[in-house]
Amino acid sequence: MTLPAAAPTAAPSPLRVGAVLVGLEGLALLVLAVLELTALSGERLVMGLTTTVFFLGYGGALLVGAWGLLRPWDLVRSPIVVAQLIQLGVAWSFRGGDTGPVAAVLAAVAVAVLVLVLLPSSSRYLLPEDER
């Protein structure tokens, strides 16, 4: 598998906004990984380490996805859409109580990314060059 070359034209504005949002999601997960690592304790060492590794991997994958959205890389859209659908499920689990605002932010960002990535202009840009 080869990585895409630099795009001949710039990504459409909605796709760039979507890439920024996905990048922010990735950075947030990296911050959570660092926070989890700093909160390690003896009685939950294994859980803390696996959570840290998961957050690092997921955050890194989202950052690669954000980078891929800015290039005509057709393979990147599906994982980004799946990640946003997962985020909607996480938002649903946080609804109500003190975590309601967190749920609202997670859901709003996920819906925004889905709309921005699935717009016709974004879809055209992400198609392989021979299919445009």
Protein backbone atom coordinates (compact mmCIF):
# COMPACT_ATOMS: atom_id res chain seq x y z
CA MET A 1 0.00 0.00 0.00
CA THR A 2 1.43 3.34 -0.99
CA LEU A 3 0.55 6.65 0.52
CA PRO A 4 -1.05 9.23 -1.75
CA ALA A 5 1.00 11.86 -3.46
CA ALA A 6 0.37 15.52 -2.73
CA ALA A 7 -2.93 16.67 -4.16
CA PRO A 8 -2.79 18.62 -7.41
CA THR A 9 -5.42 21.00 -6.05
CA ALA A 10 -6.31 21.98 -2.53
CA ALA A 11 -8.99 20.07 -0.67
CA PRO A 12 -12.41 21.75 -0.68
CA SER A 13 -13.11 23.97 2.33
CA PRO A 14 -15.66 21.63 3.97
CA LEU A 15 -13.17 18.76 3.82
CA ARG A 16 -10.44 20.93 5.34
CA VAL A 17 -12.76 21.83 8.23
CA GLY A 18 -13.58 18.15 8.65
CA ALA A 19 -9.87 17.31 8.69
CA VAL A 20 -9.27 19.92 11.40
CA LEU A 21 -12.08 18.46 13.51
CA VAL A 22 -10.75 14.92 13.08
CA GLY A 23 -7.26 16.18 13.96
CA LEU A 24 -8.62 17.76 17.13
CA GLU A 25 -10.29 14.47 18.02
CA GLY A 26 -6.95 12.71 17.55
CA LEU A 27 -5.13 15.26 19.68
CA ALA A 28 -7.76 14.94 22.41
CA LEU A 29 -7.22 11.18 22.50
CA LEU A 30 -3.45 11.67 22.74
CA VAL A 31 -4.00 14.02 25.69
CA LEU A 32 -6.27 11.41 27.30
CA ALA A 33 -3.52 8.81 26.79
CA VAL A 34 -1.00 11.02 28.61
CA LEU A 35 -3.48 11.71 31.42
CA GLU A 36 -4.19 7.99 31.77
CA LEU A 37 -0.48 7.27 31.89
CA THR A 38 0.06 9.81 34.64
CA ALA A 39 -2.79 8.29 36.67
CA LEU A 40 -1.37 4.76 36.72
CA SER A 41 -1.52 3.00 40.05
CA GLY A 42 -0.53 -0.44 41.26
CA GLU A 43 -4.02 -1.85 41.56
CA ARG A 44 -5.02 -0.91 37.98
CA LEU A 45 -1.69 -1.03 36.21
CA VAL A 46 -2.68 -3.39 33.38
CA MET A 47 -5.97 -1.58 32.71
CA GLY A 48 -4.21 1.79 32.70
CA LEU A 49 -1.50 0.62 30.31
CA THR A 50 -3.93 -0.99 27.86
CA THR A 51 -6.14 2.09 27.95
CA THR A 52 -3.11 4.27 27.28
CA VAL A 53 -2.04 2.12 24.32
CA PHE A 54 -5.59 2.15 22.95
CA PHE A 55 -5.88 5.94 23.19
CA LEU A 56 -2.44 6.37 21.59
CA GLY A 57 -3.33 4.07 18.69
CA TYR A 58 -6.80 5.52 18.14
CA GLY A 59 -5.57 9.10 18.40
CA GLY A 60 -2.68 8.39 16.04
CA ALA A 61 -5.02 6.74 13.55
CA LEU A 62 -7.31 9.78 13.62
CA LEU A 63 -4.34 12.08 13.00
CA VAL A 64 -3.33 9.98 9.99
CA GLY A 65 -6.96 10.12 8.84
CA ALA A 66 -7.02 13.90 9.16
CA TRP A 67 -3.84 14.10 7.10
CA GLY A 68 -5.35 11.74 4.51
CA LEU A 69 -8.47 13.85 4.16
CA LEU A 70 -6.32 16.68 2.85
CA ARG A 71 -5.07 14.52 0.00
CA PRO A 72 -7.12 12.67 -2.61
CA TRP A 73 -6.75 9.45 -0.64
CA ASP A 74 -9.94 7.45 -1.12
CA LEU A 75 -9.06 4.84 1.53
CA VAL A 76 -9.29 7.30 4.41
CA ARG A 77 -12.96 8.20 4.33
CA SER A 78 -14.40 4.87 5.49
CA PRO A 79 -12.32 4.65 8.70
CA ILE A 80 -13.16 8.28 9.48
CA VAL A 81 -16.88 7.61 9.02
CA VAL A 82 -16.67 4.50 11.25
CA ALA A 83 -14.81 6.51 13.92
CA GLN A 84 -17.55 9.14 13.89
CA LEU A 85 -20.27 6.51 14.21
CA ILE A 86 -18.40 5.05 17.19
CA GLN A 87 -18.17 8.55 18.64
CA LEU A 88 -21.94 8.94 18.30
CA GLY A 89 -22.34 5.75 20.32
CA VAL A 90 -19.97 7.08 22.98
CA ALA A 91 -21.90 10.35 23.05
CA TRP A 92 -25.14 8.42 23.55
CA SER A 93 -23.62 6.60 26.53
CA PHE A 94 -22.64 9.96 28.13
CA ARG A 95 -26.10 11.53 27.81
CA GLY A 96 -27.81 12.74 30.96
CA GLY A 97 -26.45 13.83 34.30
CA ASP A 98 -23.15 15.66 34.66
CA THR A 99 -21.79 14.27 31.39
CA GLY A 100 -24.57 15.74 29.22
CA PRO A 101 -22.39 18.59 27.91
CA VAL A 102 -19.65 16.11 26.97
CA ALA A 103 -22.21 14.04 25.09
CA ALA A 104 -23.46 17.11 23.23
CA VAL A 105 -19.95 18.12 22.13
CA LEU A 106 -19.04 14.58 21.04
CA ALA A 107 -22.27 14.22 19.07
CA ALA A 108 -22.02 17.66 17.46
CA VAL A 109 -18.45 17.08 16.29
CA ALA A 110 -19.26 13.60 14.98
CA VAL A 111 -22.29 14.81 13.02
CA ALA A 112 -20.34 17.78 11.66
CA VAL A 113 -17.49 15.55 10.46
CA LEU A 114 -19.93 13.09 8.88
CA VAL A 115 -21.68 15.88 6.97
CA LEU A 116 -18.42 17.53 5.89
CA VAL A 117 -16.79 14.29 4.74
CA LEU A 118 -19.85 13.02 2.89
CA LEU A 119 -20.63 16.23 0.97
CA PRO A 120 -20.50 15.76 -2.83
CA SER A 121 -17.51 18.11 -3.17
CA SER A 122 -15.60 16.10 -0.56
CA SER A 123 -16.55 12.83 -2.23
CA ARG A 124 -15.35 14.04 -5.62
CA TYR A 125 -12.05 15.19 -4.16
CA LEU A 126 -11.41 11.87 -2.39
CA LEU A 127 -12.08 9.78 -5.49
CA PRO A 128 -9.05 8.30 -7.26
CA GLU A 129 -7.86 10.59 -10.04
CA ASP A 130 -8.94 8.23 -12.83
CA GLU A 131 -12.54 8.17 -11.48
CA ARG A 132 -13.06 11.96 -11.18
